[in-house]
C-alpha atoms as a PDB file:
ATOM      1  CA  MET A   1      68.618 151.496  20.666  1.00  0.00           C
ATOM      2  CA  TYR A   2      71.382 153.262  18.753  1.00  0.00           C
ATOM      3  CA  TYR A   3      73.676 155.890  20.306  1.00  0.00           C
ATOM      4  CA  LYS A   4      76.495 157.939  18.796  1.00  0.00           C
ATOM      5  CA  VAL A   5      78.933 160.056  20.796  1.00  0.00           C
ATOM      6  CA  GLY A   6      81.930 161.422  18.931  1.00  0.00           C
ATOM      7  CA  HIS A   7      83.626 158.539  17.095  1.00  0.00           C
ATOM      8  CA  ILE A   8      81.814 155.879  19.135  1.00  0.00           C
ATOM      9  CA  GLU A   9      78.634 154.145  17.939  1.00  0.00           C
ATOM     10  CA  LEU A  10      76.748 151.725  20.151  1.00  0.00           C
ATOM     11  CA  ASP A  11      73.779 149.513  19.316  1.00  0.00           C
ATOM     12  CA  THR A  12      72.133 147.911  22.340  1.00  0.00           C
ATOM     13  CA  ASP A  13      69.974 145.569  20.235  1.00  0.00           C
ATOM     14  CA  ALA A  14      72.927 144.162  18.276  1.00  0.00           C
ATOM     15  CA  HIS A  15      75.189 144.465  21.331  1.00  0.00           C
ATOM     16  CA  SER A  16      77.831 146.062  19.107  1.00  0.00           C
ATOM     17  CA  VAL A  17      80.252 148.966  19.388  1.00  0.00           C
ATOM     18  CA  LEU A  18      82.042 150.727  16.539  1.00  0.00           C
ATOM     19  CA  LEU A  19      85.021 153.025  17.018  1.00  0.00           C
ATOM     20  CA  ARG A  20      85.643 155.134  13.905  1.00  0.00           C
ATOM     21  CA  GLY A  21      83.645 152.562  11.944  1.00  0.00           C
ATOM     22  CA  LYS A  22      85.565 149.519  13.217  1.00  0.00           C
ATOM     23  CA  ALA A  23      84.086 146.956  15.600  1.00  0.00           C
ATOM     24  CA  ILE A  24      85.646 146.663  19.048  1.00  0.00           C
ATOM     25  CA  ASN A  25      85.102 143.842  21.498  1.00  0.00           C
ATOM     26  CA  LEU A  26      83.856 144.714  24.975  1.00  0.00           C
ATOM     27  CA  THR A  27      83.031 142.457  27.882  1.00  0.00           C
ATOM     28  CA  PRO A  28      79.398 142.561  29.051  1.00  0.00           C
ATOM     29  CA  LEU A  29      80.340 144.804  31.988  1.00  0.00           C
ATOM     30  CA  GLU A  30      82.372 147.178  29.811  1.00  0.00           C
ATOM     31  CA  PHE A  31      79.496 147.317  27.331  1.00  0.00           C
ATOM     32  CA  GLY A  32      77.005 148.045  30.107  1.00  0.00           C
ATOM     33  CA  LEU A  33      79.177 150.852  31.467  1.00  0.00           C
ATOM     34  CA  LEU A  34      79.661 152.458  28.051  1.00  0.00           C
ATOM     35  CA  ALA A  35      75.972 152.095  27.165  1.00  0.00           C
ATOM     36  CA  TYR A  36      74.887 153.779  30.403  1.00  0.00           C
ATOM     37  CA  LEU A  37      77.294 156.683  29.924  1.00  0.00           C
ATOM     38  CA  MET A  38      76.229 157.123  26.290  1.00  0.00           C
ATOM     39  CA  GLN A  39      72.591 157.241  27.385  1.00  0.00           C
ATOM     40  CA  HIS A  40      73.506 160.127  29.729  1.00  0.00           C
ATOM     41  CA  PRO A  41      76.109 162.249  27.873  1.00  0.00           C
ATOM     42  CA  ASN A  42      77.467 165.424  29.475  1.00  0.00           C
ATOM     43  CA  ARG A  43      75.903 164.473  32.794  1.00  0.00           C
ATOM     44  CA  LEU A  44      77.614 163.362  35.972  1.00  0.00           C
ATOM     45  CA  CYS A  45      76.838 159.698  36.614  1.00  0.00           C
ATOM     46  CA  THR A  46      77.768 158.905  40.195  1.00  0.00           C
ATOM     47  CA  ARG A  47      79.653 155.760  41.137  1.00  0.00           C
ATOM     48  CA  THR A  48      76.725 154.558  43.249  1.00  0.00           C
ATOM     49  CA  GLU A  49      74.298 155.133  40.382  1.00  0.00           C
ATOM     50  CA  ILE A  50      76.479 153.280  37.865  1.00  0.00           C
ATOM     51  CA  ILE A  51      77.091 150.314  40.149  1.00  0.00           C
ATOM     52  CA  ASP A  52      73.374 150.079  40.944  1.00  0.00           C
ATOM     53  CA  LYS A  53      72.037 150.583  37.399  1.00  0.00           C
ATOM     54  CA  VAL A  54      74.694 148.732  35.399  1.00  0.00           C
ATOM     55  CA  TRP A  55      75.780 145.849  37.626  1.00  0.00           C
ATOM     56  CA  GLY A  56      73.289 145.689  40.454  1.00  0.00           C
ATOM     57  CA  GLN A  57      73.547 144.788  44.119  1.00  0.00           C
ATOM     58  CA  ARG A  58      76.299 142.186  43.771  1.00  0.00           C
ATOM     59  CA  PHE A  59      78.824 144.986  43.138  1.00  0.00           C
ATOM     60  CA  LEU A  60      77.431 147.388  45.730  1.00  0.00           C
ATOM     61  CA  TYR A  61      80.328 146.957  48.138  1.00  0.00           C
ATOM     62  CA  ASP A  62      83.016 146.399  45.529  1.00  0.00           C
ATOM     63  CA  THR A  63      83.472 149.825  43.939  1.00  0.00           C
ATOM     64  CA  GLY A  64      86.973 148.805  42.893  1.00  0.00           C
ATOM     65  CA  ALA A  65      85.336 146.703  40.181  1.00  0.00           C
ATOM     66  CA  LEU A  66      84.156 149.902  38.500  1.00  0.00           C
ATOM     67  CA  ASP A  67      87.726 151.208  38.207  1.00  0.00           C
ATOM     68  CA  VAL A  68      88.968 147.923  36.748  1.00  0.00           C
ATOM     69  CA  HIS A  69      86.324 147.895  34.016  1.00  0.00           C
ATOM     70  CA  LEU A  70      86.637 151.637  33.403  1.00  0.00           C
ATOM     71  CA  ASN A  71      90.403 151.334  32.825  1.00  0.00           C
ATOM     72  CA  ALA A  72      89.875 148.439  30.421  1.00  0.00           C
ATOM     73  CA  LEU A  73      87.172 150.386  28.570  1.00  0.00           C
ATOM     74  CA  ARG A  74      89.407 153.447  28.266  1.00  0.00           C
ATOM     75  CA  ARG A  75      92.185 151.346  26.731  1.00  0.00           C
ATOM     76  CA  LYS A  76      89.770 150.049  24.092  1.00  0.00           C
ATOM     77  CA  ILE A  77      88.108 153.331  23.119  1.00  0.00           C
ATOM     78  CA  GLY A  78      91.211 155.506  23.449  1.00  0.00           C
ATOM     79  CA  GLY A  79      91.320 159.059  24.735  1.00  0.00           C
ATOM     80  CA  THR A  80      92.710 160.347  28.012  1.00  0.00           C
ATOM     81  CA  ARG A  81      91.676 160.293  31.662  1.00  0.00           C
ATOM     82  CA  ASN A  82      89.492 163.332  30.991  1.00  0.00           C
ATOM     83  CA  ARG A  83      88.225 162.649  27.462  1.00  0.00           C
ATOM     84  CA  PRO A  84      85.872 161.289  26.412  1.00  0.00           C
ATOM     85  CA  ILE A  85      85.212 159.792  29.875  1.00  0.00           C
ATOM     86  CA  GLU A  86      86.152 162.173  32.661  1.00  0.00           C
ATOM     87  CA  THR A  87      86.604 161.012  36.250  1.00  0.00           C
ATOM     88  CA  ILE A  88      85.320 163.455  38.867  1.00  0.00           C
ATOM     89  CA  ARG A  89      87.232 162.483  42.009  1.00  0.00           C
ATOM     90  CA  GLY A  90      84.972 161.096  44.703  1.00  0.00           C
ATOM     91  CA  ALA A  91      81.867 161.689  42.604  1.00  0.00           C
ATOM     92  CA  GLY A  92      81.585 159.758  39.360  1.00  0.00           C
ATOM     93  CA  LEU A  93      82.030 159.869  35.593  1.00  0.00           C
ATOM     94  CA  ILE A  94      81.022 162.145  32.723  1.00  0.00           C
ATOM     95  CA  LEU A  95      81.021 161.089  29.079  1.00  0.00           C
ATOM     96  CA  HIS A  96      81.753 164.219  27.032  1.00  0.00           C
ATOM     97  CA  THR A  97      80.456 164.656  23.502  1.00  0.00           C
ATOM     98  CA  GLU A  98      82.386 166.325  20.717  1.00  0.00           C
ATOM     99  CA  GLU A  99      79.737 169.041  20.538  1.00  0.00           C
ATOM    100  CA  ALA A 100      80.138 172.499  21.973  1.00  0.00           C
ATOM    101  CA  ALA A 101      80.282 172.468  25.731  1.00  0.00           C
ATOM    102  CA  LYS A 102      76.892 172.164  27.408  1.00  0.00           C
ATOM    103  CA  PRO A 103      75.958 172.965  30.986  1.00  0.00           C
ATOM    104  CA  TYR A 104      76.398 170.083  33.380  1.00  0.00           C
ATOM    105  CA  SER A 105      73.226 168.611  34.766  1.00  0.00           C
ATOM    106  CA  LEU A 106      73.923 167.598  38.359  1.00  0.00           C
ATOM    107  CA  THR A 107      71.576 165.369  40.340  1.00  0.00           C
ATOM    108  CA  ILE A 108      71.911 166.580  43.915  1.00  0.00           C
ATOM    109  CA  GLN A 109      71.204 163.622  46.192  1.00  0.00           C
ATOM    110  CA  PRO A 110      73.552 160.988  44.701  1.00  0.00           C
ATOM    111  CA  PHE A 111      76.272 163.624  44.268  1.00  0.00           C
ATOM    112  CA  ILE A 112      76.135 164.734  47.916  1.00  0.00           C
ATOM    113  CA  THR A 113      75.791 161.130  49.117  1.00  0.00           C
ATOM    114  CA  ASP A 114      78.937 160.117  47.226  1.00  0.00           C
ATOM    115  CA  TRP A 115      80.764 163.238  48.413  1.00  0.00           C
ATOM    116  CA  LEU A 116      79.954 162.425  52.045  1.00  0.00           C
ATOM    117  CA  HIS A 117      80.989 158.805  51.499  1.00  0.00           C
ATOM    118  CA  SER A 118      84.355 159.914  50.066  1.00  0.00           C
ATOM    119  CA  HIS A 119      85.063 161.727  53.369  1.00  0.00           C
ATOM    120  CA  SER A 120      83.707 158.989  55.650  1.00  0.00           C
ATOM    121  CA  GLY A 121      87.175 158.171  57.031  1.00  0.00           C
ATOM    122  CA  GLU A 122      87.719 161.779  58.115  1.00  0.00           C
ATOM    123  CA  PHE A 123      84.272 161.924  59.725  1.00  0.00           C
ATOM    124  CA  GLU A 124      84.854 158.669  61.569  1.00  0.00           C
ATOM    125  CA  ALA A 125      88.217 159.885  62.889  1.00  0.00           C
ATOM    126  CA  LYS A 126      86.497 162.989  64.288  1.00  0.00           C
ATOM    127  CA  GLY A 127      83.539 161.061  65.710  1.00  0.00           C
ATOM    128  CA  LEU A 128      81.133 162.711  63.290  1.00  0.00           C
ATOM    129  CA  VAL A 129      77.990 161.178  61.831  1.00  0.00           C
ATOM    130  CA  ALA A 130      76.738 162.550  58.504  1.00  0.00           C
ATOM    131  CA  GLN A 131      73.095 163.508  58.021  1.00  0.00           C
ATOM    132  CA  LEU A 132      71.525 164.555  54.731  1.00  0.00           C
ATOM    133  CA  HIS A 133      68.387 166.711  54.620  1.00  0.00           C
ATOM    134  CA  LEU A 134      67.739 167.885  51.074  1.00  0.00           C
ATOM    135  CA  ASP A 135      64.804 169.925  49.875  1.00  0.00           C
ATOM    136  CA  PRO A 136      62.422 167.401  48.275  1.00  0.00           C
ATOM    137  CA  PHE A 137      61.481 169.888  45.554  1.00  0.00           C
ATOM    138  CA  VAL A 138      65.036 170.175  44.212  1.00  0.00           C
ATOM    139  CA  SER A 139      66.581 167.176  42.493  1.00  0.00           C
ATOM    140  CA  GLU A 140      68.841 168.693  39.845  1.00  0.00           C
ATOM    141  CA  ILE A 141      70.934 171.819  39.284  1.00  0.00           C
ATOM    142  CA  THR A 142      73.099 173.028  36.420  1.00  0.00           C
ATOM    143  CA  MET A 143      76.739 173.464  37.369  1.00  0.00           C
ATOM    144  CA  SER A 144      80.097 171.773  37.078  1.00  0.00           C
ATOM    145  CA  PRO A 145      80.444 168.886  39.559  1.00  0.00           C
ATOM    146  CA  THR A 146      84.147 169.679  39.855  1.00  0.00           C
ATOM    147  CA  ASP A 147      83.347 173.238  40.933  1.00  0.00           C
ATOM    148  CA  LEU A 148      80.756 172.103  43.464  1.00  0.00           C
ATOM    149  CA  ARG A 149      83.073 169.469  44.912  1.00  0.00           C
ATOM    150  CA  THR A 150      85.898 172.019  45.195  1.00  0.00           C
ATOM    151  CA  MET A 151      83.591 174.379  47.089  1.00  0.00           C
ATOM    152  CA  LEU A 152      82.353 171.656  49.441  1.00  0.00           C
ATOM    153  CA  ASP A 153      85.888 170.380  50.038  1.00  0.00           C
ATOM    154  CA  GLY A 154      86.984 173.930  50.865  1.00  0.00           C
ATOM    155  CA  ILE A 155      84.207 174.373  53.410  1.00  0.00           C
ATOM    156  CA  LEU A 156      84.952 170.993  54.979  1.00  0.00           C
ATOM    157  CA  ALA A 157      88.662 171.771  55.228  1.00  0.00           C
ATOM    158  CA  ALA A 158      87.789 174.939  57.146  1.00  0.00           C
ATOM    159  CA  LEU A 159      85.253 173.329  59.480  1.00  0.00           C
ATOM    160  CA  LEU A 160      86.804 169.926  60.182  1.00  0.00           C
ATOM    161  CA  PRO A 161      89.956 170.808  62.200  1.00  0.00           C
ATOM    162  CA  SER A 162      87.973 172.288  65.104  1.00  0.00           C
ATOM    163  CA  ALA A 163      85.087 169.796  64.921  1.00  0.00           C
ATOM    164  CA  LYS A 164      84.165 167.765  68.004  1.00  0.00           C
ATOM    165  CA  PRO A 165      82.287 164.446  67.988  1.00  0.00           C
ATOM    166  CA  GLY A 166      78.735 165.008  66.849  1.00  0.00           C
ATOM    167  CA  THR A 167      76.928 165.516  63.574  1.00  0.00           C
ATOM    168  CA  ILE A 168      77.787 166.961  60.192  1.00  0.00           C
ATOM    169  CA  ARG A 169      74.533 168.012  58.588  1.00  0.00           C
ATOM    170  CA  VAL A 170      74.066 168.847  54.917  1.00  0.00           C
ATOM    171  CA  SER A 171      70.771 170.510  54.118  1.00  0.00           C
ATOM    172  CA  SER A 172      69.311 172.476  51.236  1.00  0.00           C
ATOM    173  CA  HIS A 173      66.744 175.146  50.640  1.00  0.00           C
ATOM    174  CA  LEU A 174      65.039 176.529  47.548  1.00  0.00           C
ATOM    175  CA  SER A 175      64.009 180.173  47.458  1.00  0.00           C
ATOM    176  CA  LEU A 176      62.594 182.306  44.683  1.00  0.00           C
ATOM    177  CA  ASN A 177      66.015 183.236  43.297  1.00  0.00           C
ATOM    178  CA  SER A 178      68.439 180.590  44.497  1.00  0.00           C
ATOM    179  CA  PHE A 179      69.173 177.103  45.717  1.00  0.00           C
ATOM    180  CA  SER A 180      71.413 176.791  48.753  1.00  0.00           C
ATOM    181  CA  LEU A 181      73.437 174.000  50.340  1.00  0.00           C
ATOM    182  CA  THR A 182      74.315 174.325  54.018  1.00  0.00           C
ATOM    183  CA  LEU A 183      77.031 172.414  55.892  1.00  0.00           C
ATOM    184  CA  ALA A 184      76.791 172.511  59.664  1.00  0.00           C
ATOM    185  CA  ILE A 185      79.237 170.971  62.147  1.00  0.00           C
ATOM    186  CA  ASN A 186      78.769 171.510  65.904  1.00  0.00           C
ATOM    187  CA  GLY A 187      76.741 174.657  65.311  1.00  0.00           C
ATOM    188  CA  THR A 188      79.219 176.155  62.828  1.00  0.00           C
ATOM    189  CA  ILE A 189      77.340 176.812  59.603  1.00  0.00           C
ATOM    190  CA  ASN A 190      78.533 177.593  56.101  1.00  0.00           C
ATOM    191  CA  GLU A 191      76.189 178.109  53.182  1.00  0.00           C
ATOM    192  CA  LEU A 192      76.714 177.885  49.430  1.00  0.00           C
ATOM    193  CA  ARG A 193      74.147 179.991  47.603  1.00  0.00           C
ATOM    194  CA  ILE A 194      73.594 178.807  44.047  1.00  0.00           C
ATOM    195  CA  PRO A 195      71.489 181.421  42.255  1.00  0.00           C
ATOM    196  CA  ILE A 196      69.219 180.520  39.415  1.00  0.00           C
ATOM    197  CA  TYR A 197      70.962 183.320  37.513  1.00  0.00           C
ATOM    198  CA  GLY A 198      74.347 184.870  38.196  1.00  0.00           C
ATOM    199  CA  GLU A 199      77.442 183.876  40.124  1.00  0.00           C
ATOM    200  CA  PHE A 200      77.967 181.553  43.097  1.00  0.00           C
ATOM    201  CA  LYS A 201      78.372 183.031  46.553  1.00  0.00           C
ATOM    202  CA  SER A 202      79.622 181.479  49.766  1.00  0.00           C
ATOM    203  CA  SER A 203      78.727 182.795  53.202  1.00  0.00           C
END
């Protein structure tokens, strides 16, 4: 298969990569990472997803390997930390195209799973156990992962100081007009309402 994003061309059959028409040499892991991102442009690819799909189980508990290969890949294709490959802290990577900005397509479960994992140390220190209960009929929403993470981090920062040992529960619900994410710690509940149309609201 042939993919082109900006000045980068990738051919999976020939196992070749061109940058502005010139061949560049990538290791098999760098090639796999770039190929996966180019197959999913403008979409958040979570760290867990990349490690599972690109390298498999042998890297499951060595997420540092992803950063090593990502840094090497960035040096070879150029750009900055945010272009063309953007790092979303605690979530994953997005390969941006040169086209006009498109809405982000965000897959809920891996995003929330990675977000919870990124706060696991804080939960452990508070004696909290994370539970995830997502609506099975909702798998994807359109919004910026950075915005969603900022909102979730804000809620957590408000709820965590007074939390006692117990459970942090993240659940979701789909209604006629909106999708909502609810964080509950020790009975304290905060909901993010993500309407199908319009602006975000937090309650």
